[in-house]
Amino acid sequence: MTTIHYSLPPVLADAVTTALNTWQDNDNTARLGARDASLWSDSDEAQWLDWLDIVQEQQAGLAALQGTVRSIVDAGFQHLVLLGMGGSSLCPDVLRETFGHVEGHPELLVLDSTDPGQVAGVADAVDMARTLFIVSSKSGSTLEPNILLAYFFRQVVDAIGEDGAASRFIAITDPGSNLERQATDAGFRHIFHGKPQIGGRFSALSAFGIVPAAIMGLDVGRFLEGAGQMVEACGTGSVAAQNPGVLLGTILGVAATQGRDKLTLFASPGIASLGGWLEQLVAESTGKSGKGIIPVDGEAIGAPDHYGEDRVFVYLRLEAAPDAAQDAAVAELESAGQPVVRIPLADAYHLGAEFFRWEIATAVAGAILGINPFDQPDVEASKIETRKLTAAYEETGSLPAEDPVLVDGDLSLYTNAGNASELSELVGSGASLADTINTHLSRAGSGDYVALLAYLDRNEAHDAVLQAVRHQVRDARGVATCVGFGPRFLHSTGQAYKGGPNSGVFLQITCDHAKDLPVPGHDYTFGVVEAAQARGDFEVLAERERRVLRVHLGGDVQASLERLKGLVSL
């Protein structure tokens, strides 16, 4: 289903109509298909557009893929564990959450974290002798999948011996990558190739999404058929106002130029995980040069008076399993005059079509914003700082010392000199822990957003507390809120937080780990890596003059997190 329905305030509606007419008059859909970089910043955009043709390529190679996958499935693996980050993990994670375990195929688990609790949780959940690992990385040089590969390869060797260990691993990577060389040398069961001309966040319909989909048992032909229909609907022959991708992208891009830059996503429960993929696509593509669209995923729908005039709402409705309460709440937002876009999906297999629609929409929104939607200039900054810190640890046996600005029992606060000075002016000397935290969160004003950046095990208990905090902040301050678990969000929304509009107020949350895990071949542990990633992220946020405060949880993490929630009283 390609049709979308929308209700916009008059000023926004008029601007969208004008922009659609301009897009049509300039024949911009044809320019997009022709890979005309002048649509954006006229730099390297043309090198990153092979996703436009990937559906047809996948359909042409489907028979060969299915034959290879059948040989893998016939080996009788119980679990399939994907090790990857960002564009390599988010699409498979959507498919895992949406379709679950398909009978006769291995059950998919996705690990996109360095948190030792999360790593241990996956290790404990599977039988190493009956598990196939997918190492998914375009470059093969990304830190997280490399150390996860080292850890789980050691686990497999310990379980079954060196002979045959490599047969429990496959790789998805670009030709000529470090991972391809490593997989070839080790004798991995199979190597699937991505395309160098497709960036990670646009790779859902390439091997990075389709191979895990096939192994976990999805009807990939059906999935690609829906995507192909969307490709045709978004093609050069369509009128801009009737092109499902161009129309959506125009609404989002124009809305952002009018200050409605908080894309708030609602989805039916059966496809709720789609928001995690959309976060990366939209944030990493548009959040740069001080511009961008901030995706808001996971906020419960509030009453109309909980929202300001900085939102645009998109409701992805699963027609086969709608939620009546959700329908009523969205209708109330429409009646209140908020901009609402409705996208109906006939069933979960239409996710393939949505992947392509949103890729087109993101490219169009990037053109309206005047940025390059295919680069991520601020992502590398955090990686550089992380590498410095892990190198320091291997040299000295510890991370550089830090001095907290305030300690109260099991909670400690850290920030940089600039934020410390501003907070001191606002709360005065001798302020309590609660006063400092609440004053920091209250720095978010009209048009701002609050992001909770948690370097914790991404489990239900931790998430429940963070969701409670975000909704308290939203309802008290009337601002958009985001929740991200690190390092996962570093490969997703992290680009927009650092390179997008300076409208975020960030509360970073770190912890002591009750149990840590070694990284084979290194002196550091997973806990040290996660701590280095958090500190590197913090350093870059502070360097970009973002409003950021870190609270460190000591002792019992869940109890400390609950205490933090109790201190928030805006």
Protein backbone atom coordinates (compact mmCIF):
# COMPACT_ATOMS: atom_id res chain seq x y z
CA MET A 1 0.00 0.00 0.00
CA THR A 2 1.58 3.27 -1.11
CA THR A 3 -1.04 5.90 -0.30
CA ILE A 4 -0.47 8.28 2.58
CA HIS A 5 -2.98 10.62 4.18
CA TYR A 6 -2.06 13.84 5.89
CA SER A 7 -3.57 16.75 7.74
CA LEU A 8 -1.41 19.87 8.04
CA PRO A 9 -1.85 23.38 9.46
CA PRO A 10 -2.62 25.84 6.64
CA VAL A 11 0.76 27.58 6.58
CA LEU A 12 2.61 24.27 6.42
CA ALA A 13 0.18 22.86 3.86
CA ASP A 14 0.70 25.83 1.55
CA ALA A 15 4.49 25.56 1.86
CA VAL A 16 4.37 21.83 1.09
CA THR A 17 2.25 22.47 -2.02
CA THR A 18 4.72 25.09 -3.22
CA ALA A 19 7.67 22.78 -2.62
CA LEU A 20 5.99 19.90 -4.47
CA ASN A 21 5.30 22.16 -7.44
CA THR A 22 8.92 23.29 -7.46
CA TRP A 23 10.12 19.68 -7.28
CA GLN A 24 7.86 18.82 -10.22
CA ASP A 25 8.82 21.88 -12.28
CA ASN A 26 12.52 21.15 -11.84
CA ASP A 27 12.06 17.48 -12.74
CA ASN A 28 13.82 16.57 -9.50
CA THR A 29 12.59 12.97 -9.38
CA ALA A 30 14.37 12.34 -12.68
CA ARG A 31 17.45 14.13 -11.34
CA LEU A 32 17.41 11.83 -8.31
CA GLY A 33 17.19 8.79 -10.56
CA ALA A 34 20.05 10.17 -12.65
CA ARG A 35 22.18 10.58 -9.49
CA ASP A 36 22.51 14.33 -9.88
CA ALA A 37 24.55 15.48 -6.87
CA SER A 38 23.47 19.09 -7.40
CA LEU A 39 20.15 18.15 -5.78
CA TRP A 40 22.04 18.28 -2.46
CA SER A 41 25.46 19.76 -1.77
CA ASP A 42 27.00 18.78 -5.11
CA SER A 43 29.79 16.83 -3.44
CA ASP A 44 30.02 13.02 -3.35
CA GLU A 45 26.30 12.16 -3.24
CA ALA A 46 26.35 10.36 -6.61
CA GLN A 47 28.68 7.70 -5.13
CA TRP A 48 26.09 6.58 -2.58
CA LEU A 49 22.95 5.99 -4.62
CA ASP A 50 23.08 2.34 -5.65
CA TRP A 51 20.24 1.68 -3.19
CA LEU A 52 17.98 3.05 -5.91
CA ASP A 53 18.48 -0.17 -7.90
CA ILE A 54 19.12 -2.71 -5.15
CA VAL A 55 15.61 -4.22 -5.09
CA GLN A 56 15.85 -5.27 -8.74
CA GLU A 57 19.33 -6.67 -8.13
CA GLN A 58 18.16 -8.67 -5.15
CA GLN A 59 15.21 -10.08 -7.10
CA ALA A 60 17.53 -11.13 -9.91
CA GLY A 61 19.81 -12.96 -7.48
CA LEU A 62 17.06 -14.44 -5.33
CA ALA A 63 17.29 -18.04 -6.59
CA ALA A 64 21.02 -18.20 -5.89
CA LEU A 65 20.55 -16.69 -2.43
CA GLN A 66 17.81 -19.15 -1.57
CA GLY A 67 20.02 -22.07 -2.57
CA THR A 68 22.84 -20.88 -0.32
CA VAL A 69 20.46 -20.18 2.53
CA ARG A 70 18.90 -23.64 2.23
CA SER A 71 22.31 -25.25 2.78
CA ILE A 72 22.77 -23.12 5.90
CA VAL A 73 19.31 -23.92 7.28
CA ASP A 74 19.76 -27.63 6.56
CA ALA A 75 22.79 -27.63 8.89
CA GLY A 76 20.31 -27.50 11.78
CA PHE A 77 21.41 -24.43 13.68
CA GLN A 78 19.19 -23.53 16.63
CA HIS A 79 20.09 -19.85 16.86
CA LEU A 80 21.35 -17.18 14.51
CA VAL A 81 23.27 -14.38 16.26
CA LEU A 82 23.99 -11.21 14.30
CA LEU A 83 26.97 -9.16 15.46
CA GLY A 84 26.84 -5.67 13.98
CA MET A 85 26.05 -2.02 14.53
CA GLY A 86 23.84 0.64 13.00
CA GLY A 87 22.94 -0.09 9.41
CA SER A 88 24.19 -3.65 9.80
CA SER A 89 21.93 -4.48 12.75
CA LEU A 90 18.85 -2.25 12.85
CA CYS A 91 16.96 -3.73 9.90
CA PRO A 92 17.51 -7.34 11.09
CA ASP A 93 16.42 -6.25 14.56
CA VAL A 94 13.16 -4.86 13.12
CA LEU A 95 12.55 -8.16 11.34
CA ARG A 96 13.34 -10.15 14.49
CA GLU A 97 10.94 -8.08 16.60
CA THR A 98 8.22 -8.13 13.94
CA PHE A 99 8.23 -11.72 12.70
CA GLY A 100 9.72 -13.59 15.66
CA HIS A 101 10.90 -17.17 15.38
CA VAL A 102 9.89 -18.87 12.13
CA GLU A 103 9.40 -22.62 12.51
CA GLY A 104 12.09 -24.68 10.78
CA HIS A 105 14.65 -21.88 10.85
CA PRO A 106 17.16 -20.68 13.45
CA GLU A 107 15.90 -18.06 15.87
CA LEU A 108 17.53 -14.68 15.24
CA LEU A 109 19.20 -12.71 18.04
CA VAL A 110 20.86 -9.33 17.40
CA LEU A 111 23.78 -8.07 19.48
CA ASP A 112 24.70 -4.44 18.88
CA SER A 113 26.27 -3.49 22.21
CA THR A 114 29.53 -3.64 24.13
CA ASP A 115 27.72 -3.74 27.45
CA PRO A 116 29.10 -6.82 29.24
CA GLY A 117 25.69 -7.71 30.69
CA GLN A 118 24.16 -7.70 27.22
CA VAL A 119 27.02 -9.71 25.73
CA ALA A 120 26.81 -12.26 28.54
CA GLY A 121 23.03 -12.45 28.13
CA VAL A 122 23.36 -13.53 24.50
CA ALA A 123 26.16 -15.98 25.32
CA ASP A 124 24.02 -17.57 28.03
CA ALA A 125 20.96 -17.79 25.77
CA VAL A 126 22.50 -19.97 23.05
CA ASP A 127 24.18 -23.32 22.63
CA MET A 128 27.53 -22.46 21.02
CA ALA A 129 27.64 -25.79 19.22
CA ARG A 130 24.28 -25.14 17.56
CA THR A 131 24.55 -21.43 16.80
CA LEU A 132 25.48 -19.66 13.58
CA PHE A 133 27.02 -16.20 13.93
CA ILE A 134 26.64 -13.49 11.29
CA VAL A 135 29.40 -10.90 11.51
CA SER A 136 27.95 -7.90 9.69
CA SER A 137 30.14 -4.89 8.91
CA LYS A 138 30.57 -2.92 5.67
CA SER A 139 34.13 -1.83 6.35
CA GLY A 140 35.18 -4.66 8.60
CA SER A 141 36.99 -2.10 10.75
CA THR A 142 34.16 -1.17 13.13
CA LEU A 143 35.22 -1.71 16.74
CA GLU A 144 32.12 -3.43 18.12
CA PRO A 145 31.64 -6.30 15.63
CA ASN A 146 35.40 -6.94 15.66
CA ILE A 147 35.62 -7.44 19.41
CA LEU A 148 32.32 -9.34 19.47
CA LEU A 149 33.72 -11.66 16.79
CA ALA A 150 36.87 -12.20 18.88
CA TYR A 151 34.80 -13.00 21.96
CA PHE A 152 32.31 -15.39 20.37
CA PHE A 153 34.92 -17.13 18.22
CA ARG A 154 36.75 -17.94 21.45
CA GLN A 155 33.49 -19.18 22.97
CA VAL A 156 32.84 -21.48 20.00
CA VAL A 157 36.40 -22.83 20.11
CA ASP A 158 36.01 -23.55 23.82
CA ALA A 159 32.73 -25.37 23.10
CA ILE A 160 33.64 -27.49 20.06
CA GLY A 161 37.38 -27.10 19.51
CA GLU A 162 39.26 -25.24 16.79
CA ASP A 163 38.34 -27.68 14.07
CA GLY A 164 35.04 -26.58 12.63
CA ALA A 165 34.74 -23.37 14.67
CA ALA A 166 34.93 -21.17 11.58
CA SER A 167 32.03 -23.10 10.03
CA ARG A 168 29.81 -21.48 12.67
CA PHE A 169 30.45 -18.03 11.20
CA ILE A 170 29.38 -16.18 8.07
CA ALA A 171 30.23 -12.62 7.10
CA ILE A 172 28.29 -9.84 5.38
CA THR A 173 30.72 -7.18 4.25
CA ASP A 174 31.88 -5.11 1.31
CA PRO A 175 34.34 -6.63 -1.18
CA GLY A 176 37.95 -6.10 -0.17
CA SER A 177 37.17 -5.22 3.44
CA ASN A 178 39.21 -6.23 6.46
CA LEU A 179 36.40 -8.57 7.47
CA GLU A 180 36.40 -10.29 4.08
CA ARG A 181 40.13 -10.98 4.43
CA GLN A 182 39.71 -12.23 7.98
CA ALA A 183 36.76 -14.44 7.07
CA THR A 184 38.61 -15.89 4.07
CA ASP A 185 41.73 -16.63 6.11
CA ALA A 186 39.72 -18.23 8.92
CA GLY A 187 37.55 -20.30 6.56
CA PHE A 188 34.11 -18.89 7.40
CA ARG A 189 31.13 -20.93 6.16
CA HIS A 190 30.16 -18.20 3.69
CA ILE A 191 30.83 -14.57 2.79
CA PHE A 192 28.02 -12.41 1.43
CA HIS A 193 28.93 -9.12 -0.23
CA GLY A 194 27.35 -5.73 0.22
CA LYS A 195 27.75 -2.89 -2.23
CA PRO A 196 30.35 -0.18 -1.53
CA GLN A 197 28.07 2.40 -3.18
CA ILE A 198 25.34 1.95 -0.54
CA GLY A 199 25.82 3.55 2.87
CA GLY A 200 24.99 1.50 5.93
CA ARG A 201 21.70 3.17 6.81
CA PHE A 202 20.43 2.73 3.24
CA SER A 203 21.36 -0.97 3.16
CA ALA A 204 18.17 -2.58 4.52
CA LEU A 205 17.23 -4.02 1.13
CA SER A 206 20.77 -5.12 0.33
CA ALA A 207 22.55 -8.21 1.64
CA PHE A 208 22.78 -6.63 5.11
CA GLY A 209 19.02 -6.96 5.55
CA ILE A 210 17.99 -9.62 3.06
CA VAL A 211 20.49 -12.35 4.05
CA PRO A 212 19.45 -12.42 7.74
CA ALA A 213 15.80 -12.22 6.61
CA ALA A 214 16.22 -15.27 4.41
CA ILE A 215 18.07 -17.34 7.02
CA MET A 216 15.50 -16.56 9.73
CA GLY A 217 12.79 -17.83 7.38
CA LEU A 218 11.03 -14.82 5.87
CA ASP A 219 9.45 -15.13 2.44
CA VAL A 220 12.05 -12.88 0.86
CA GLY A 221 10.40 -13.00 -2.55
CA ARG A 222 7.19 -11.60 -1.08
CA PHE A 223 9.18 -9.03 0.89
CA LEU A 224 11.02 -7.83 -2.21
CA GLU A 225 7.84 -7.83 -4.31
CA GLY A 226 6.30 -5.20 -2.02
CA ALA A 227 9.52 -3.20 -2.11
CA GLY A 228 9.52 -3.40 -5.91
CA GLN A 229 6.00 -1.96 -6.05
CA MET A 230 7.19 0.98 -3.96
CA VAL A 231 10.19 1.45 -6.26
CA GLU A 232 7.82 1.71 -9.20
CA ALA A 233 5.50 4.12 -7.37
CA CYS A 234 8.46 6.37 -6.52
CA GLY A 235 9.85 6.25 -10.06
CA THR A 236 10.53 9.03 -12.51
CA GLY A 237 7.13 8.73 -14.17
CA SER A 238 5.20 9.75 -11.06
CA VAL A 239 3.89 13.24 -10.31
CA ALA A 240 5.60 14.69 -7.25
CA ALA A 241 2.38 15.11 -5.27
CA GLN A 242 1.47 11.46 -5.92
CA ASN A 243 4.93 10.00 -5.41
CA PRO A 244 4.77 8.32 -1.97
CA GLY A 245 8.43 8.92 -1.17
CA VAL A 246 8.68 12.45 -2.56
CA LEU A 247 5.46 13.52 -0.84
CA LEU A 248 6.59 12.22 2.57
CA GLY A 249 10.08 13.70 2.22
CA THR A 250 8.68 17.07 1.18
CA ILE A 251 6.39 17.21 4.21
CA LEU A 252 9.25 16.32 6.57
CA GLY A 253 11.76 18.66 4.96
CA VAL A 254 9.43 21.66 4.73
CA ALA A 255 8.16 21.06 8.27
CA ALA A 256 11.76 21.14 9.54
CA THR A 257 12.40 24.48 7.83
CA GLN A 258 9.37 25.86 9.69
CA GLY A 259 10.66 24.73 13.07
CA ARG A 260 8.73 21.46 13.16
CA ASP A 261 11.90 19.39 13.24
CA LYS A 262 10.84 16.76 15.82
CA LEU A 263 9.61 13.83 13.76
CA THR A 264 7.45 11.95 16.24
CA LEU A 265 6.85 8.34 15.22
CA PHE A 266 3.88 6.24 16.26
CA ALA A 267 3.47 2.69 15.00
CA SER A 268 1.03 -0.13 15.60
CA PRO A 269 2.30 -2.57 18.23
CA GLY A 270 3.00 -5.25 15.62
CA ILE A 271 5.51 -3.03 13.79
CA ALA A 272 6.63 -0.80 16.68
CA SER A 273 10.29 -1.72 16.21
CA LEU A 274 10.37 0.04 12.82
CA GLY A 275 11.03 3.28 14.69
CA GLY A 276 14.49 2.06 15.68
CA TRP A 277 15.49 1.75 12.03
CA LEU A 278 13.89 5.06 11.11
CA GLU A 279 15.79 6.84 13.87
CA GLN A 280 19.12 6.08 12.24
CA LEU A 281 17.98 6.74 8.69
CA VAL A 282 16.53 10.15 9.46
CA ALA A 283 18.88 11.40 12.18
CA GLU A 284 22.18 10.30 10.64
CA SER A 285 21.13 11.48 7.18
CA THR A 286 19.77 14.94 8.03
CA GLY A 287 21.45 15.94 11.32
CA LYS A 288 24.49 17.93 10.23
CA SER A 289 25.72 21.45 9.55
CA GLY A 290 23.51 22.71 12.38
CA LYS A 291 20.38 21.49 10.57
CA GLY A 292 18.35 18.34 10.76
CA ILE A 293 15.30 16.37 11.76
CA ILE A 294 15.28 14.83 15.23
CA PRO A 295 13.33 11.55 15.25
CA VAL A 296 11.34 10.84 18.42
CA ASP A 297 10.59 7.15 18.80
CA GLY A 298 8.98 5.36 21.70
CA GLU A 299 7.16 8.28 23.32
CA ALA A 300 3.67 7.25 24.36
CA ILE A 301 0.99 9.35 22.66
CA GLY A 302 0.09 12.22 24.96
CA ALA A 303 -2.76 14.66 25.08
CA PRO A 304 -2.54 17.52 22.56
CA ASP A 305 -1.57 19.99 25.27
CA HIS A 306 1.63 18.00 25.92
CA TYR A 307 3.05 19.19 22.60
CA GLY A 308 4.39 22.46 21.31
CA GLU A 309 4.63 23.65 17.71
CA ASP A 310 7.88 21.85 16.91
CA ARG A 311 6.37 18.47 16.03
CA VAL A 312 5.25 16.58 12.97
CA PHE A 313 3.60 13.22 13.68
CA VAL A 314 3.79 10.12 11.48
CA TYR A 315 1.48 7.23 12.28
CA LEU A 316 2.42 3.86 10.75
CA ARG A 317 -0.77 1.83 11.06
CA LEU A 318 -0.79 -1.93 10.59
CA GLU A 319 -4.17 -2.46 8.94
CA ALA A 320 -4.20 -6.16 9.82
CA ALA A 321 -3.83 -5.42 13.55
CA PRO A 322 -4.73 -1.82 14.42
CA ASP A 323 -4.83 -0.46 17.97
CA ALA A 324 -8.09 1.31 18.77
CA ALA A 325 -6.65 3.46 21.57
CA GLN A 326 -3.83 4.55 19.30
CA ASP A 327 -6.27 5.42 16.52
CA ALA A 328 -8.30 7.59 18.91
CA ALA A 329 -5.23 9.39 20.28
CA VAL A 330 -3.92 10.19 16.79
CA ALA A 331 -7.35 11.47 15.76
CA GLU A 332 -7.31 13.77 18.78
CA LEU A 333 -3.98 15.23 17.67
CA GLU A 334 -5.43 15.85 14.20
CA SER A 335 -8.47 17.56 15.67
CA ALA A 336 -6.20 19.81 17.72
CA GLY A 337 -4.50 21.04 14.52
CA GLN A 338 -1.22 19.16 14.85
CA PRO A 339 0.39 17.99 11.58
CA VAL A 340 -0.29 14.27 11.20
CA VAL A 341 0.78 11.91 8.41
CA ARG A 342 -0.91 8.51 8.26
CA ILE A 343 0.80 5.61 6.50
CA PRO A 344 -1.23 2.38 6.27
CA LEU A 345 0.54 -0.98 5.97
CA ALA A 346 -1.65 -3.89 4.89
CA ASP A 347 0.56 -6.39 6.73
CA ALA A 348 4.06 -6.78 8.13
CA TYR A 349 5.50 -7.82 4.77
CA HIS A 350 4.94 -4.26 3.59
CA LEU A 351 7.94 -3.26 5.70
CA GLY A 352 10.03 -3.87 2.58
CA ALA A 353 8.07 -1.15 0.81
CA GLU A 354 8.43 1.18 3.79
CA PHE A 355 12.19 0.79 3.82
CA PHE A 356 12.35 2.12 0.28
CA ARG A 357 9.70 4.82 0.77
CA TRP A 358 11.60 6.26 3.71
CA GLU A 359 14.92 6.11 1.89
CA ILE A 360 13.46 8.22 -0.92
CA ALA A 361 11.80 10.53 1.61
CA THR A 362 15.06 11.04 3.47
CA ALA A 363 16.92 11.87 0.27
CA VAL A 364 14.19 14.40 -0.63
CA ALA A 365 14.19 15.97 2.85
CA GLY A 366 17.98 16.30 2.59
CA ALA A 367 17.60 18.17 -0.69
CA ILE A 368 15.10 20.59 0.87
CA LEU A 369 17.43 21.16 3.85
CA GLY A 370 20.41 21.68 1.54
CA ILE A 371 22.66 19.04 3.10
CA ASN A 372 24.38 15.84 2.00
CA PRO A 373 22.15 13.06 3.38
CA PHE A 374 24.68 10.32 2.67
CA ASP A 375 27.63 11.29 4.86
CA GLN A 376 28.06 11.25 8.65
CA PRO A 377 30.85 13.73 9.43
CA ASP A 378 30.37 13.76 13.19
CA VAL A 379 30.20 10.02 13.85
CA GLU A 380 33.94 9.51 13.47
CA ALA A 381 34.69 12.11 16.17
CA SER A 382 33.38 9.86 18.95
CA LYS A 383 35.24 6.88 17.52
CA ILE A 384 38.51 8.84 17.60
CA GLU A 385 38.04 9.74 21.25
CA THR A 386 37.16 6.13 22.09
CA ARG A 387 40.31 4.87 20.38
CA LYS A 388 42.41 7.35 22.38
CA LEU A 389 40.92 6.12 25.64
CA THR A 390 41.22 2.39 24.89
CA ALA A 391 44.81 2.94 23.76
CA ALA A 392 45.53 4.77 27.02
CA TYR A 393 44.05 1.87 28.94
CA GLU A 394 46.22 -0.69 27.16
CA GLU A 395 49.27 1.46 27.85
CA THR A 396 48.60 2.28 31.51
CA GLY A 397 46.03 -0.25 32.74
CA SER A 398 43.43 2.40 33.54
CA LEU A 399 41.33 5.12 31.97
CA PRO A 400 42.35 8.74 32.74
CA ALA A 401 41.09 9.90 36.13
CA GLU A 402 37.99 12.07 36.38
CA ASP A 403 36.76 14.37 39.11
CA PRO A 404 33.01 14.44 39.79
CA VAL A 405 31.33 17.78 40.36
CA LEU A 406 29.02 16.21 42.95
CA VAL A 407 28.75 12.88 44.77
CA ASP A 408 25.72 11.71 46.75
CA GLY A 409 25.86 8.08 47.82
CA ASP A 410 25.71 5.79 44.81
CA LEU A 411 25.28 8.65 42.30
CA SER A 412 28.04 10.89 40.95
CA LEU A 413 27.74 13.80 38.54
CA TYR A 414 30.29 14.73 35.87
CA THR A 415 30.41 17.51 33.33
CA ASN A 416 32.81 19.80 31.53
CA ALA A 417 33.93 23.23 32.72
CA GLY A 418 31.49 25.19 30.54
CA ASN A 419 28.41 23.24 31.61
CA ALA A 420 29.57 23.21 35.24
CA SER A 421 29.81 27.00 35.20
CA GLU A 422 26.38 27.45 33.63
CA LEU A 423 24.75 25.02 36.06
CA SER A 424 26.44 26.70 39.01
CA GLU A 425 25.03 30.05 37.96
CA LEU A 426 21.55 28.56 37.69
CA VAL A 427 21.42 26.57 40.95
CA GLY A 428 23.98 28.40 43.09
CA SER A 429 26.73 26.91 45.21
CA GLY A 430 26.09 23.92 47.42
CA ALA A 431 23.16 22.68 45.32
CA SER A 432 21.89 19.18 45.97
CA LEU A 433 22.07 16.30 43.53
CA ALA A 434 18.35 16.58 42.81
CA ASP A 435 18.53 20.34 42.29
CA THR A 436 21.42 19.99 39.87
CA ILE A 437 19.77 17.26 37.80
CA ASN A 438 16.41 19.02 37.64
CA THR A 439 18.01 22.35 36.81
CA HIS A 440 19.92 20.70 34.00
CA LEU A 441 16.79 19.11 32.55
CA SER A 442 14.95 22.41 32.91
CA ARG A 443 17.43 24.00 30.53
CA ALA A 444 15.24 22.55 27.76
CA GLY A 445 12.91 25.26 26.55
CA SER A 446 10.50 25.71 23.66
CA GLY A 447 11.78 23.95 20.54
CA ASP A 448 14.39 21.95 22.46
CA TYR A 449 14.50 18.24 23.21
CA VAL A 450 15.84 16.11 26.05
CA ALA A 451 17.82 12.95 25.28
CA LEU A 452 18.60 10.25 27.85
CA LEU A 453 21.77 8.47 26.73
CA ALA A 454 22.13 5.28 28.74
CA TYR A 455 25.30 3.20 28.62
CA LEU A 456 23.57 0.32 30.34
CA ASP A 457 22.36 -3.17 29.57
CA ARG A 458 19.40 -2.62 27.21
CA ASN A 459 16.87 -4.68 29.13
CA GLU A 460 13.20 -4.23 29.95
CA ALA A 461 13.75 -3.12 33.55
CA HIS A 462 16.22 -0.38 32.62
CA ASP A 463 14.11 0.75 29.70
CA ALA A 464 10.97 1.00 31.85
CA VAL A 465 12.69 3.42 34.23
CA LEU A 466 14.05 5.56 31.39
CA GLN A 467 10.64 5.67 29.72
CA ALA A 468 9.09 6.87 32.98
CA VAL A 469 11.69 9.64 33.25
CA ARG A 470 11.24 10.77 29.64
CA HIS A 471 7.48 11.05 29.99
CA GLN A 472 7.79 13.01 33.21
CA VAL A 473 10.13 15.43 31.41
CA ARG A 474 7.86 15.70 28.38
CA ASP A 475 4.73 16.33 30.37
CA ALA A 476 6.39 18.84 32.70
CA ARG A 477 8.38 20.79 30.11
CA GLY A 478 6.34 20.24 26.93
CA VAL A 479 9.47 19.19 25.01
CA ALA A 480 10.31 16.24 22.83
CA THR A 481 12.25 13.41 24.46
CA CYS A 482 14.56 10.69 23.17
CA VAL A 483 15.97 7.58 24.81
CA GLY A 484 19.04 5.82 23.46
CA PHE A 485 21.18 2.96 24.71
CA GLY A 486 24.89 3.28 24.05
CA PRO A 487 26.85 2.41 22.08
CA ARG A 488 23.88 1.47 19.88
CA PHE A 489 22.69 5.07 19.43
CA LEU A 490 26.20 6.25 18.48
CA HIS A 491 25.59 4.51 15.15
CA SER A 492 22.11 5.98 14.86
CA THR A 493 21.03 9.28 16.38
CA GLY A 494 24.51 10.23 17.56
CA GLN A 495 25.24 12.14 14.35
CA ALA A 496 22.25 14.46 14.81
CA TYR A 497 22.98 15.02 18.49
CA LYS A 498 26.45 16.31 17.64
CA GLY A 499 26.05 17.79 14.17
CA GLY A 500 22.40 18.80 14.05
CA PRO A 501 20.71 21.81 15.62
CA ASN A 502 22.03 22.72 19.06
CA SER A 503 18.65 22.21 20.68
CA GLY A 504 19.35 19.10 22.75
CA VAL A 505 19.75 18.76 26.50
CA PHE A 506 21.57 15.50 27.21
CA LEU A 507 21.66 13.38 30.35
CA GLN A 508 24.22 10.63 29.91
CA ILE A 509 23.95 7.67 32.28
CA THR A 510 26.83 5.26 32.98
CA CYS A 511 27.33 2.54 35.56
CA ASP A 512 29.64 0.16 37.37
CA HIS A 513 29.33 -3.38 36.03
CA ALA A 514 28.72 -6.22 38.46
CA LYS A 515 30.42 -8.60 36.02
CA ASP A 516 32.82 -7.77 33.22
CA LEU A 517 34.08 -9.79 30.26
CA PRO A 518 37.54 -9.89 28.67
CA VAL A 519 38.11 -8.99 25.03
CA PRO A 520 40.38 -11.67 23.55
CA GLY A 521 43.61 -10.24 22.17
CA HIS A 522 43.41 -7.04 24.22
CA ASP A 523 44.17 -5.91 27.75
CA TYR A 524 40.84 -4.10 28.03
CA THR A 525 37.41 -5.55 28.79
CA PHE A 526 33.96 -4.94 27.33
CA GLY A 527 33.18 -2.75 30.33
CA VAL A 528 36.26 -0.63 29.65
CA VAL A 529 35.26 -0.28 25.99
CA GLU A 530 31.75 0.83 26.94
CA ALA A 531 33.14 3.33 29.46
CA ALA A 532 35.54 4.68 26.82
CA GLN A 533 32.69 5.02 24.32
CA ALA A 534 30.59 6.93 26.85
CA ARG A 535 33.44 9.26 27.74
CA GLY A 536 34.37 9.77 24.10
CA ASP A 537 30.75 10.59 23.28
CA PHE A 538 30.60 13.02 26.19
CA GLU A 539 33.82 14.76 25.11
CA VAL A 540 32.50 15.40 21.61
CA LEU A 541 29.11 16.64 22.86
CA ALA A 542 30.91 19.05 25.21
CA GLU A 543 33.28 20.13 22.44
CA ARG A 544 30.23 20.97 20.28
CA GLU A 545 28.93 23.12 23.17
CA ARG A 546 26.00 20.85 23.87
CA ARG A 547 24.21 21.01 27.23
CA VAL A 548 25.34 17.71 28.74
CA LEU A 549 25.56 16.17 32.20
CA ARG A 550 26.64 12.65 33.14
CA VAL A 551 25.28 10.73 36.10
CA HIS A 552 27.21 7.62 37.11
CA LEU A 553 25.36 4.80 38.87
CA GLY A 554 27.35 2.94 41.49
CA GLY A 555 26.47 -0.27 43.31
CA ASP A 556 23.21 -1.90 42.30
CA VAL A 557 22.47 -0.47 38.83
CA GLN A 558 18.71 -1.02 38.92
CA ALA A 559 18.39 0.45 42.40
CA SER A 560 20.55 3.45 41.46
CA LEU A 561 18.50 3.99 38.32
CA GLU A 562 15.29 3.90 40.34
CA ARG A 563 16.81 6.43 42.72
CA LEU A 564 17.66 8.69 39.78
CA LYS A 565 14.05 8.50 38.61
CA GLY A 566 12.88 9.49 42.07
CA LEU A 567 15.09 12.59 42.00
CA VAL A 568 13.50 13.93 38.79
CA SER A 569 10.73 16.26 39.90
CA LEU A 570 10.23 18.98 37.30
